[in-house]
Amino acid sequence: VGTPGYIPPETWETGRWHVRGDCFSLGVVMWYCWTGERLFAEEGSSAAAVAAATLCREVEVGELTPFSEHARNVVSGLLTKHPAQRMSSSQAQGSAWLSAAA
């Protein structure tokens, strides 16, 4: 299904991949690139521990203080737990942060 630390909550719950699952995974990758820290998995964590962290941990984007509010909003939107409420790739591309960079 994928690398445990990048699997979205809905996939842990249902075993199925949703279209916005990749958006969640992108949010995890962005977090790692910006902080150097794994968001839901620590070195040697079991898949069950990663699943529990992904399902239960609320991400605080305020921790990303060196980054602009627009950048934090994109990461927050991508890491939204429920796929119907999660930022889509089109929404991310059209965000104030990414559209300003274009």
PDB file of N, CA and C in Angstrom:
ATOM      1  N   VAL A   1       0.823  -1.187   0.000  1.00  0.00           N
ATOM      2  CA  VAL A   1       0.000   0.000   0.000  1.00  0.00           C
ATOM      3  C   VAL A   1       0.865   1.246   0.000  1.00  0.00           C
ATOM      4  N   GLY A   2       2.022   1.204   0.660  1.00  0.00           N
ATOM      5  CA  GLY A   2       2.890   2.369   0.688  1.00  0.00           C
ATOM      6  C   GLY A   2       3.791   2.358   1.905  1.00  0.00           C
ATOM      7  N   THR A   3       4.603   3.389   2.039  1.00  0.00           N
ATOM      8  CA  THR A   3       5.485   3.538   3.185  1.00  0.00           C
ATOM      9  C   THR A   3       4.649   4.021   4.364  1.00  0.00           C
ATOM     10  N   PRO A   4       4.672   3.302   5.484  1.00  0.00           N
ATOM     11  CA  PRO A   4       3.756   3.608   6.591  1.00  0.00           C
ATOM     12  C   PRO A   4       3.671   5.063   7.017  1.00  0.00           C
ATOM     13  N   GLY A   5       4.746   5.792   7.098  1.00  0.00           N
ATOM     14  CA  GLY A   5       4.698   7.168   7.564  1.00  0.00           C
ATOM     15  C   GLY A   5       4.029   8.143   6.612  1.00  0.00           C
ATOM     16  N   TYR A   6       3.729   7.678   5.392  1.00  0.00           N
ATOM     17  CA  TYR A   6       3.149   8.540   4.364  1.00  0.00           C
ATOM     18  C   TYR A   6       1.731   8.120   3.981  1.00  0.00           C
ATOM     19  N   ILE A   7       1.248   7.050   4.561  1.00  0.00           N
ATOM     20  CA  ILE A   7      -0.088   6.536   4.244  1.00  0.00           C
ATOM     21  C   ILE A   7      -1.139   7.422   4.904  1.00  0.00           C
ATOM     22  N   PRO A   8      -2.141   7.855   4.143  1.00  0.00           N
ATOM     23  CA  PRO A   8      -3.173   8.732   4.706  1.00  0.00           C
ATOM     24  C   PRO A   8      -4.118   7.984   5.645  1.00  0.00           C
ATOM     25  N   PRO A   9      -4.781   8.728   6.527  1.00  0.00           N
ATOM     26  CA  PRO A   9      -5.662   8.104   7.518  1.00  0.00           C
ATOM     27  C   PRO A   9      -6.731   7.199   6.912  1.00  0.00           C
ATOM     28  N   GLU A  10      -7.346   7.633   5.813  1.00  0.00           N
ATOM     29  CA  GLU A  10      -8.430   6.842   5.228  1.00  0.00           C
ATOM     30  C   GLU A  10      -7.949   5.496   4.713  1.00  0.00           C
ATOM     31  N   THR A  11      -6.691   5.430   4.296  1.00  0.00           N
ATOM     32  CA  THR A  11      -6.146   4.153   3.828  1.00  0.00           C
ATOM     33  C   THR A  11      -5.883   3.227   5.009  1.00  0.00           C
ATOM     34  N   TRP A  12      -5.409   3.782   6.120  1.00  0.00           N
ATOM     35  CA  TRP A  12      -5.256   2.967   7.329  1.00  0.00           C
ATOM     36  C   TRP A  12      -6.611   2.414   7.768  1.00  0.00           C
ATOM     37  N   GLU A  13      -7.659   3.216   7.632  1.00  0.00           N
ATOM     38  CA  GLU A  13      -8.985   2.793   8.096  1.00  0.00           C
ATOM     39  C   GLU A  13      -9.663   1.796   7.166  1.00  0.00           C
ATOM     40  N   THR A  14      -9.528   1.989   5.852  1.00  0.00           N
ATOM     41  CA  THR A  14     -10.285   1.175   4.901  1.00  0.00           C
ATOM     42  C   THR A  14      -9.445   0.221   4.067  1.00  0.00           C
ATOM     43  N   GLY A  15      -8.148   0.454   4.005  1.00  0.00           N
ATOM     44  CA  GLY A  15      -7.303  -0.353   3.137  1.00  0.00           C
ATOM     45  C   GLY A  15      -7.364   0.093   1.683  1.00  0.00           C
ATOM     46  N   ARG A  16      -8.100   1.169   1.422  1.00  0.00           N
ATOM     47  CA  ARG A  16      -8.237   1.689   0.059  1.00  0.00           C
ATOM     48  C   ARG A  16      -7.556   3.047  -0.066  1.00  0.00           C
ATOM     49  N   TRP A  17      -7.090   3.298  -1.277  1.00  0.00           N
ATOM     50  CA  TRP A  17      -6.444   4.572  -1.549  1.00  0.00           C
ATOM     51  C   TRP A  17      -7.469   5.531  -2.141  1.00  0.00           C
ATOM     52  N   HIS A  18      -7.530   6.726  -1.636  1.00  0.00           N
ATOM     53  CA  HIS A  18      -8.420   7.773  -2.133  1.00  0.00           C
ATOM     54  C   HIS A  18      -7.585   8.728  -2.973  1.00  0.00           C
ATOM     55  N   VAL A  19      -8.214   9.370  -3.928  1.00  0.00           N
ATOM     56  CA  VAL A  19      -7.515  10.311  -4.807  1.00  0.00           C
ATOM     57  C   VAL A  19      -6.725  11.356  -4.018  1.00  0.00           C
ATOM     58  N   ARG A  20      -7.275  11.844  -2.926  1.00  0.00           N
ATOM     59  CA  ARG A  20      -6.576  12.873  -2.152  1.00  0.00           C
ATOM     60  C   ARG A  20      -5.536  12.285  -1.191  1.00  0.00           C
ATOM     61  N   GLY A  21      -5.358  10.987  -1.240  1.00  0.00           N
ATOM     62  CA  GLY A  21      -4.320  10.362  -0.421  1.00  0.00           C
ATOM     63  C   GLY A  21      -2.928  10.858  -0.788  1.00  0.00           C
ATOM     64  N   ASP A  22      -2.707  11.075  -2.070  1.00  0.00           N
ATOM     65  CA  ASP A  22      -1.409  11.590  -2.509  1.00  0.00           C
ATOM     66  C   ASP A  22      -1.175  13.000  -1.982  1.00  0.00           C
ATOM     67  N   CYS A  23      -2.245  13.762  -1.843  1.00  0.00           N
ATOM     68  CA  CYS A  23      -2.114  15.125  -1.297  1.00  0.00           C
ATOM     69  C   CYS A  23      -1.667  15.054   0.163  1.00  0.00           C
ATOM     70  N   PHE A  24      -2.252  14.117   0.919  1.00  0.00           N
ATOM     71  CA  PHE A  24      -1.834  13.931   2.308  1.00  0.00           C
ATOM     72  C   PHE A  24      -0.356  13.553   2.358  1.00  0.00           C
ATOM     73  N   SER A  25       0.027  12.612   1.511  1.00  0.00           N
ATOM     74  CA  SER A  25       1.424  12.169   1.481  1.00  0.00           C
ATOM     75  C   SER A  25       2.368  13.317   1.130  1.00  0.00           C
ATOM     76  N   LEU A  26       1.948  14.178   0.212  1.00  0.00           N
ATOM     77  CA  LEU A  26       2.751  15.354  -0.124  1.00  0.00           C
ATOM     78  C   LEU A  26       2.934  16.245   1.101  1.00  0.00           C
ATOM     79  N   GLY A  27       1.874  16.424   1.876  1.00  0.00           N
ATOM     80  CA  GLY A  27       1.982  17.208   3.106  1.00  0.00           C
ATOM     81  C   GLY A  27       3.007  16.618   4.068  1.00  0.00           C
ATOM     82  N   VAL A  28       3.034  15.292   4.162  1.00  0.00           N
ATOM     83  CA  VAL A  28       4.013  14.623   5.027  1.00  0.00           C
ATOM     84  C   VAL A  28       5.429  14.849   4.495  1.00  0.00           C
ATOM     85  N   VAL A  29       5.587  14.744   3.180  1.00  0.00           N
ATOM     86  CA  VAL A  29       6.904  14.979   2.561  1.00  0.00           C
ATOM     87  C   VAL A  29       7.353  16.418   2.802  1.00  0.00           C
ATOM     88  N   MET A  30       6.443  17.374   2.637  1.00  0.00           N
ATOM     89  CA  MET A  30       6.794  18.778   2.864  1.00  0.00           C
ATOM     90  C   MET A  30       7.227  18.994   4.306  1.00  0.00           C
ATOM     91  N   TRP A  31       6.494  18.411   5.245  1.00  0.00           N
ATOM     92  CA  TRP A  31       6.853  18.522   6.667  1.00  0.00           C
ATOM     93  C   TRP A  31       8.276  18.003   6.887  1.00  0.00           C
ATOM     94  N   TYR A  32       8.574  16.838   6.317  1.00  0.00           N
ATOM     95  CA  TYR A  32       9.893  16.241   6.488  1.00  0.00           C
ATOM     96  C   TYR A  32      10.982  17.117   5.864  1.00  0.00           C
ATOM     97  N   CYS A  33      10.715  17.634   4.671  1.00  0.00           N
ATOM     98  CA  CYS A  33      11.702  18.504   4.004  1.00  0.00           C
ATOM     99  C   CYS A  33      11.973  19.752   4.829  1.00  0.00           C
ATOM    100  N   TRP A  34      10.957  20.311   5.437  1.00  0.00           N
ATOM    101  CA  TRP A  34      11.105  21.556   6.193  1.00  0.00           C
ATOM    102  C   TRP A  34      11.695  21.361   7.573  1.00  0.00           C
ATOM    103  N   THR A  35      11.414  20.221   8.195  1.00  0.00           N
ATOM    104  CA  THR A  35      11.835  20.046   9.587  1.00  0.00           C
ATOM    105  C   THR A  35      12.927  18.989   9.770  1.00  0.00           C
ATOM    106  N   GLY A  36      13.034  18.068   8.822  1.00  0.00           N
ATOM    107  CA  GLY A  36      13.945  16.943   8.977  1.00  0.00           C
ATOM    108  C   GLY A  36      13.416  15.909   9.951  1.00  0.00           C
ATOM    109  N   GLU A  37      12.160  16.059  10.360  1.00  0.00           N
ATOM    110  CA  GLU A  37      11.550  15.140  11.332  1.00  0.00           C
ATOM    111  C   GLU A  37      10.420  14.352  10.687  1.00  0.00           C
ATOM    112  N   ARG A  38      10.318  13.103  11.094  1.00  0.00           N
ATOM    113  CA  ARG A  38       9.210  12.278  10.634  1.00  0.00           C
ATOM    114  C   ARG A  38       7.963  12.699  11.398  1.00  0.00           C
ATOM    115  N   LEU A  39       6.885  12.869  10.689  1.00  0.00           N
ATOM    116  CA  LEU A  39       5.669  13.386  11.293  1.00  0.00           C
ATOM    117  C   LEU A  39       4.927  12.339  12.105  1.00  0.00           C
ATOM    118  N   PHE A  40       4.783  11.139  11.565  1.00  0.00           N
ATOM    119  CA  PHE A  40       4.001  10.106  12.234  1.00  0.00           C
ATOM    120  C   PHE A  40       4.807   8.867  12.601  1.00  0.00           C
ATOM    121  N   ALA A  41       6.047   8.788  12.159  1.00  0.00           N
ATOM    122  CA  ALA A  41       6.857   7.598  12.395  1.00  0.00           C
ATOM    123  C   ALA A  41       8.228   7.973  12.922  1.00  0.00           C
ATOM    124  N   GLU A  42       8.651   7.264  13.920  1.00  0.00           N
ATOM    125  CA  GLU A  42      10.014   7.407  14.408  1.00  0.00           C
ATOM    126  C   GLU A  42      10.792   6.205  13.904  1.00  0.00           C
ATOM    127  N   GLU A  43      12.081   6.334  13.821  1.00  0.00           N
ATOM    128  CA  GLU A  43      12.921   5.232  13.365  1.00  0.00           C
ATOM    129  C   GLU A  43      12.575   3.974  14.146  1.00  0.00           C
ATOM    130  N   GLY A  44      12.275   2.897  13.438  1.00  0.00           N
ATOM    131  CA  GLY A  44      11.973   1.621  14.078  1.00  0.00           C
ATOM    132  C   GLY A  44      10.540   1.467  14.549  1.00  0.00           C
ATOM    133  N   SER A  45       9.667   2.434  14.275  1.00  0.00           N
ATOM    134  CA  SER A  45       8.265   2.330  14.686  1.00  0.00           C
ATOM    135  C   SER A  45       7.585   1.186  13.943  1.00  0.00           C
ATOM    136  N   SER A  46       6.695   0.493  14.644  1.00  0.00           N
ATOM    137  CA  SER A  46       5.917  -0.555  13.994  1.00  0.00           C
ATOM    138  C   SER A  46       4.842   0.084  13.128  1.00  0.00           C
ATOM    139  N   ALA A  47       4.334  -0.664  12.166  1.00  0.00           N
ATOM    140  CA  ALA A  47       3.259  -0.160  11.318  1.00  0.00           C
ATOM    141  C   ALA A  47       2.035   0.196  12.157  1.00  0.00           C
ATOM    142  N   ALA A  48       1.759  -0.579  13.191  1.00  0.00           N
ATOM    143  CA  ALA A  48       0.605  -0.297  14.064  1.00  0.00           C
ATOM    144  C   ALA A  48       0.779   1.030  14.798  1.00  0.00           C
ATOM    145  N   ALA A  49       1.992   1.319  15.242  1.00  0.00           N
ATOM    146  CA  ALA A  49       2.260   2.581  15.933  1.00  0.00           C
ATOM    147  C   ALA A  49       2.130   3.763  14.977  1.00  0.00           C
ATOM    148  N   VAL A  50       2.597   3.583  13.749  1.00  0.00           N
ATOM    149  CA  VAL A  50       2.494   4.639  12.744  1.00  0.00           C
ATOM    150  C   VAL A  50       1.024   4.875  12.401  1.00  0.00           C
ATOM    151  N   ALA A  51       0.258   3.802  12.240  1.00  0.00           N
ATOM    152  CA  ALA A  51      -1.175   3.930  11.940  1.00  0.00           C
ATOM    153  C   ALA A  51      -1.876   4.694  13.054  1.00  0.00           C
ATOM    154  N   ALA A  52      -1.605   4.332  14.297  1.00  0.00           N
ATOM    155  CA  ALA A  52      -2.235   5.011  15.439  1.00  0.00           C
ATOM    156  C   ALA A  52      -1.868   6.492  15.460  1.00  0.00           C
ATOM    157  N   ALA A  53      -0.610   6.804  15.210  1.00  0.00           N
ATOM    158  CA  ALA A  53      -0.179   8.207  15.200  1.00  0.00           C
ATOM    159  C   ALA A  53      -0.845   8.970  14.065  1.00  0.00           C
ATOM    160  N   THR A  54      -0.931   8.359  12.894  1.00  0.00           N
ATOM    161  CA  THR A  54      -1.548   9.013  11.743  1.00  0.00           C
ATOM    162  C   THR A  54      -3.024   9.282  11.999  1.00  0.00           C
ATOM    163  N   LEU A  55      -3.697   8.339  12.617  1.00  0.00           N
ATOM    164  CA  LEU A  55      -5.128   8.483  12.874  1.00  0.00           C
ATOM    165  C   LEU A  55      -5.433   9.445  14.022  1.00  0.00           C
ATOM    166  N   CYS A  56      -4.548   9.527  15.001  1.00  0.00           N
ATOM    167  CA  CYS A  56      -4.863  10.271  16.230  1.00  0.00           C
ATOM    168  C   CYS A  56      -4.151  11.611  16.378  1.00  0.00           C
ATOM    169  N   ARG A  57      -2.941  11.712  15.879  1.00  0.00           N
ATOM    170  CA  ARG A  57      -2.167  12.934  16.112  1.00  0.00           C
ATOM    171  C   ARG A  57      -2.695  14.091  15.278  1.00  0.00           C
ATOM    172  N   GLU A  58      -2.956  15.196  15.930  1.00  0.00           N
ATOM    173  CA  GLU A  58      -3.314  16.429  15.236  1.00  0.00           C
ATOM    174  C   GLU A  58      -2.025  17.195  14.956  1.00  0.00           C
ATOM    175  N   VAL A  59      -1.865  17.619  13.740  1.00  0.00           N
ATOM    176  CA  VAL A  59      -0.654  18.312  13.326  1.00  0.00           C
ATOM    177  C   VAL A  59      -0.807  19.805  13.612  1.00  0.00           C
ATOM    178  N   GLU A  60       0.187  20.369  14.258  1.00  0.00           N
ATOM    179  CA  GLU A  60       0.217  21.799  14.573  1.00  0.00           C
ATOM    180  C   GLU A  60       1.171  22.489  13.616  1.00  0.00           C
ATOM    181  N   VAL A  61       0.628  23.159  12.610  1.00  0.00           N
ATOM    182  CA  VAL A  61       1.500  23.817  11.636  1.00  0.00           C
ATOM    183  C   VAL A  61       2.174  25.053  12.199  1.00  0.00           C
ATOM    184  N   GLY A  62       1.727  25.506  13.364  1.00  0.00           N
ATOM    185  CA  GLY A  62       2.400  26.617  14.022  1.00  0.00           C
ATOM    186  C   GLY A  62       3.840  26.278  14.349  1.00  0.00           C
ATOM    187  N   GLU A  63       4.138  24.965  14.392  1.00  0.00           N
ATOM    188  CA  GLU A  63       5.513  24.515  14.637  1.00  0.00           C
ATOM    189  C   GLU A  63       6.437  24.913  13.483  1.00  0.00           C
ATOM    190  N   LEU A  64       5.859  25.248  12.336  1.00  0.00           N
ATOM    191  CA  LEU A  64       6.642  25.607  11.156  1.00  0.00           C
ATOM    192  C   LEU A  64       6.830  27.122  11.086  1.00  0.00           C
ATOM    193  N   THR A  65       7.216  27.715  12.196  1.00  0.00           N
ATOM    194  CA  THR A  65       7.287  29.170  12.303  1.00  0.00           C
ATOM    195  C   THR A  65       8.220  29.860  11.313  1.00  0.00           C
ATOM    196  N   PRO A  66       9.294  29.240  10.839  1.00  0.00           N
ATOM    197  CA  PRO A  66      10.125  29.990   9.895  1.00  0.00           C
ATOM    198  C   PRO A  66       9.457  30.185   8.532  1.00  0.00           C
ATOM    199  N   PHE A  67       8.311  29.543   8.322  1.00  0.00           N
ATOM    200  CA  PHE A  67       7.655  29.598   7.021  1.00  0.00           C
ATOM    201  C   PHE A  67       6.461  30.533   7.053  1.00  0.00           C
ATOM    202  N   SER A  68       6.112  31.051   5.908  1.00  0.00           N
ATOM    203  CA  SER A  68       5.023  32.020   5.819  1.00  0.00           C
ATOM    204  C   SER A  68       3.688  31.387   6.194  1.00  0.00           C
ATOM    205  N   GLU A  69       2.752  32.247   6.528  1.00  0.00           N
ATOM    206  CA  GLU A  69       1.400  31.780   6.848  1.00  0.00           C
ATOM    207  C   GLU A  69       0.803  31.062   5.639  1.00  0.00           C
ATOM    208  N   HIS A  70       1.063  31.562   4.434  1.00  0.00           N
ATOM    209  CA  HIS A  70       0.535  30.923   3.226  1.00  0.00           C
ATOM    210  C   HIS A  70       1.102  29.514   3.065  1.00  0.00           C
ATOM    211  N   ALA A  71       2.385  29.347   3.330  1.00  0.00           N
ATOM    212  CA  ALA A  71       3.004  28.024   3.236  1.00  0.00           C
ATOM    213  C   ALA A  71       2.419  27.091   4.295  1.00  0.00           C
ATOM    214  N   ARG A  72       2.272  27.587   5.511  1.00  0.00           N
ATOM    215  CA  ARG A  72       1.696  26.763   6.586  1.00  0.00           C
ATOM    216  C   ARG A  72       0.260  26.366   6.259  1.00  0.00           C
ATOM    217  N   ASN A  73      -0.492  27.256   5.612  1.00  0.00           N
ATOM    218  CA  ASN A  73      -1.869  26.938   5.233  1.00  0.00           C
ATOM    219  C   ASN A  73      -1.927  25.792   4.232  1.00  0.00           C
ATOM    220  N   VAL A  74      -0.979  25.760   3.304  1.00  0.00           N
ATOM    221  CA  VAL A  74      -0.939  24.665   2.333  1.00  0.00           C
ATOM    222  C   VAL A  74      -0.648  23.350   3.045  1.00  0.00           C
ATOM    223  N   VAL A  75       0.358  23.333   3.896  1.00  0.00           N
ATOM    224  CA  VAL A  75       0.696  22.096   4.610  1.00  0.00           C
ATOM    225  C   VAL A  75      -0.472  21.655   5.483  1.00  0.00           C
ATOM    226  N   SER A  76      -1.086  22.584   6.169  1.00  0.00           N
ATOM    227  CA  SER A  76      -2.242  22.267   6.999  1.00  0.00           C
ATOM    228  C   SER A  76      -3.373  21.680   6.159  1.00  0.00           C
ATOM    229  N   GLY A  77      -3.642  22.282   5.013  1.00  0.00           N
ATOM    230  CA  GLY A  77      -4.696  21.796   4.133  1.00  0.00           C
ATOM    231  C   GLY A  77      -4.419  20.411   3.593  1.00  0.00           C
ATOM    232  N   LEU A  78      -3.153  20.139   3.281  1.00  0.00           N
ATOM    233  CA  LEU A  78      -2.777  18.822   2.766  1.00  0.00           C
ATOM    234  C   LEU A  78      -2.841  17.746   3.846  1.00  0.00           C
ATOM    235  N   LEU A  79      -2.611  18.126   5.088  1.00  0.00           N
ATOM    236  CA  LEU A  79      -2.590  17.155   6.185  1.00  0.00           C
ATOM    237  C   LEU A  79      -3.935  17.007   6.906  1.00  0.00           C
ATOM    238  N   THR A  80      -4.981  17.573   6.334  1.00  0.00           N
ATOM    239  CA  THR A  80      -6.316  17.408   6.909  1.00  0.00           C
ATOM    240  C   THR A  80      -6.684  15.929   6.899  1.00  0.00           C
ATOM    241  N   LYS A  81      -7.189  15.442   8.019  1.00  0.00           N
ATOM    242  CA  LYS A  81      -7.465  14.012   8.168  1.00  0.00           C
ATOM    243  C   LYS A  81      -8.533  13.487   7.211  1.00  0.00           C
ATOM    244  N   HIS A  82      -9.634  14.207   7.053  1.00  0.00           N
ATOM    245  CA  HIS A  82     -10.744  13.723   6.227  1.00  0.00           C
ATOM    246  C   HIS A  82     -10.515  14.098   4.764  1.00  0.00           C
ATOM    247  N   PRO A  83     -10.516  13.118   3.851  1.00  0.00           N
ATOM    248  CA  PRO A  83     -10.189  13.417   2.454  1.00  0.00           C
ATOM    249  C   PRO A  83     -11.125  14.411   1.776  1.00  0.00           C
ATOM    250  N   ALA A  84     -12.402  14.416   2.132  1.00  0.00           N
ATOM    251  CA  ALA A  84     -13.340  15.355   1.504  1.00  0.00           C
ATOM    252  C   ALA A  84     -13.039  16.798   1.902  1.00  0.00           C
ATOM    253  N   GLN A  85     -12.387  16.976   3.037  1.00  0.00           N
ATOM    254  CA  GLN A  85     -12.045  18.317   3.517  1.00  0.00           C
ATOM    255  C   GLN A  85     -10.590  18.687   3.192  1.00  0.00           C
ATOM    256  N   ARG A  86      -9.827  17.725   2.732  1.00  0.00           N
ATOM    257  CA  ARG A  86      -8.410  17.932   2.445  1.00  0.00           C
ATOM    258  C   ARG A  86      -8.221  18.780   1.196  1.00  0.00           C
ATOM    259  N   MET A  87      -7.196  19.581   1.203  1.00  0.00           N
ATOM    260  CA  MET A  87      -6.845  20.399   0.040  1.00  0.00           C
ATOM    261  C   MET A  87      -6.499  19.483  -1.131  1.00  0.00           C
ATOM    262  N   SER A  88      -7.037  19.800  -2.289  1.00  0.00           N
ATOM    263  CA  SER A  88      -6.725  19.034  -3.498  1.00  0.00           C
ATOM    264  C   SER A  88      -5.440  19.580  -4.122  1.00  0.00           C
ATOM    265  N   SER A  89      -4.926  18.856  -5.095  1.00  0.00           N
ATOM    266  CA  SER A  89      -3.718  19.338  -5.776  1.00  0.00           C
ATOM    267  C   SER A  89      -4.002  20.649  -6.509  1.00  0.00           C
ATOM    268  N   SER A  90      -5.190  20.785  -7.092  1.00  0.00           N
ATOM    269  CA  SER A  90      -5.553  22.035  -7.775  1.00  0.00           C
ATOM    270  C   SER A  90      -5.641  23.197  -6.789  1.00  0.00           C
ATOM    271  N   GLN A  91      -6.202  22.937  -5.623  1.00  0.00           N
ATOM    272  CA  GLN A  91      -6.288  23.980  -4.604  1.00  0.00           C
ATOM    273  C   GLN A  91      -4.893  24.372  -4.122  1.00  0.00           C
ATOM    274  N   ALA A  92      -4.018  23.389  -3.958  1.00  0.00           N
ATOM    275  CA  ALA A  92      -2.647  23.693  -3.531  1.00  0.00           C
ATOM    276  C   ALA A  92      -1.947  24.541  -4.589  1.00  0.00           C
ATOM    277  N   GLN A  93      -2.102  24.163  -5.860  1.00  0.00           N
ATOM    278  CA  GLN A  93      -1.467  24.922  -6.938  1.00  0.00           C
ATOM    279  C   GLN A  93      -1.987  26.355  -7.006  1.00  0.00           C
ATOM    280  N   GLY A  94      -3.261  26.538  -6.684  1.00  0.00           N
ATOM    281  CA  GLY A  94      -3.855  27.859  -6.742  1.00  0.00           C
ATOM    282  C   GLY A  94      -3.733  28.652  -5.456  1.00  0.00           C
ATOM    283  N   SER A  95      -3.064  28.088  -4.468  1.00  0.00           N
ATOM    284  CA  SER A  95      -2.912  28.755  -3.172  1.00  0.00           C
ATOM    285  C   SER A  95      -2.080  30.025  -3.314  1.00  0.00           C
ATOM    286  N   ALA A  96      -2.269  30.919  -2.363  1.00  0.00           N
ATOM    287  CA  ALA A  96      -1.508  32.178  -2.371  1.00  0.00           C
ATOM    288  C   ALA A  96      -0.013  31.913  -2.324  1.00  0.00           C
ATOM    289  N   TRP A  97       0.404  30.861  -1.648  1.00  0.00           N
ATOM    290  CA  TRP A  97       1.824  30.547  -1.522  1.00  0.00           C
ATOM    291  C   TRP A  97       2.410  30.086  -2.852  1.00  0.00           C
ATOM    292  N   LEU A  98       1.777  29.102  -3.493  1.00  0.00           N
ATOM    293  CA  LEU A  98       2.342  28.574  -4.720  1.00  0.00           C
ATOM    294  C   LEU A  98       2.081  29.453  -5.938  1.00  0.00           C
ATOM    295  N   SER A  99       0.968  30.129  -5.966  1.00  0.00           N
ATOM    296  CA  SER A  99       0.711  31.014  -7.108  1.00  0.00           C
ATOM    297  C   SER A  99       1.636  32.234  -7.071  1.00  0.00           C
ATOM    298  N   ALA A 100       2.051  32.646  -5.885  1.00  0.00           N
ATOM    299  CA  ALA A 100       2.985  33.769  -5.758  1.00  0.00           C
ATOM    300  C   ALA A 100       4.372  33.369  -6.254  1.00  0.00           C
ATOM    301  N   ALA A 101       4.690  32.080  -6.156  1.00  0.00           N
ATOM    302  CA  ALA A 101       6.010  31.600  -6.557  1.00  0.00           C
ATOM    303  C   ALA A 101       6.103  31.420  -8.080  1.00  0.00           C
ATOM    304  N   ALA A 102       4.972  31.368  -8.744  1.00  0.00           N
ATOM    305  CA  ALA A 102       4.961  31.103 -10.196  1.00  0.00           C
ATOM    306  C   ALA A 102       5.386  32.289 -11.019  1.00  0.00           C
TER     307      ALA A 102
END
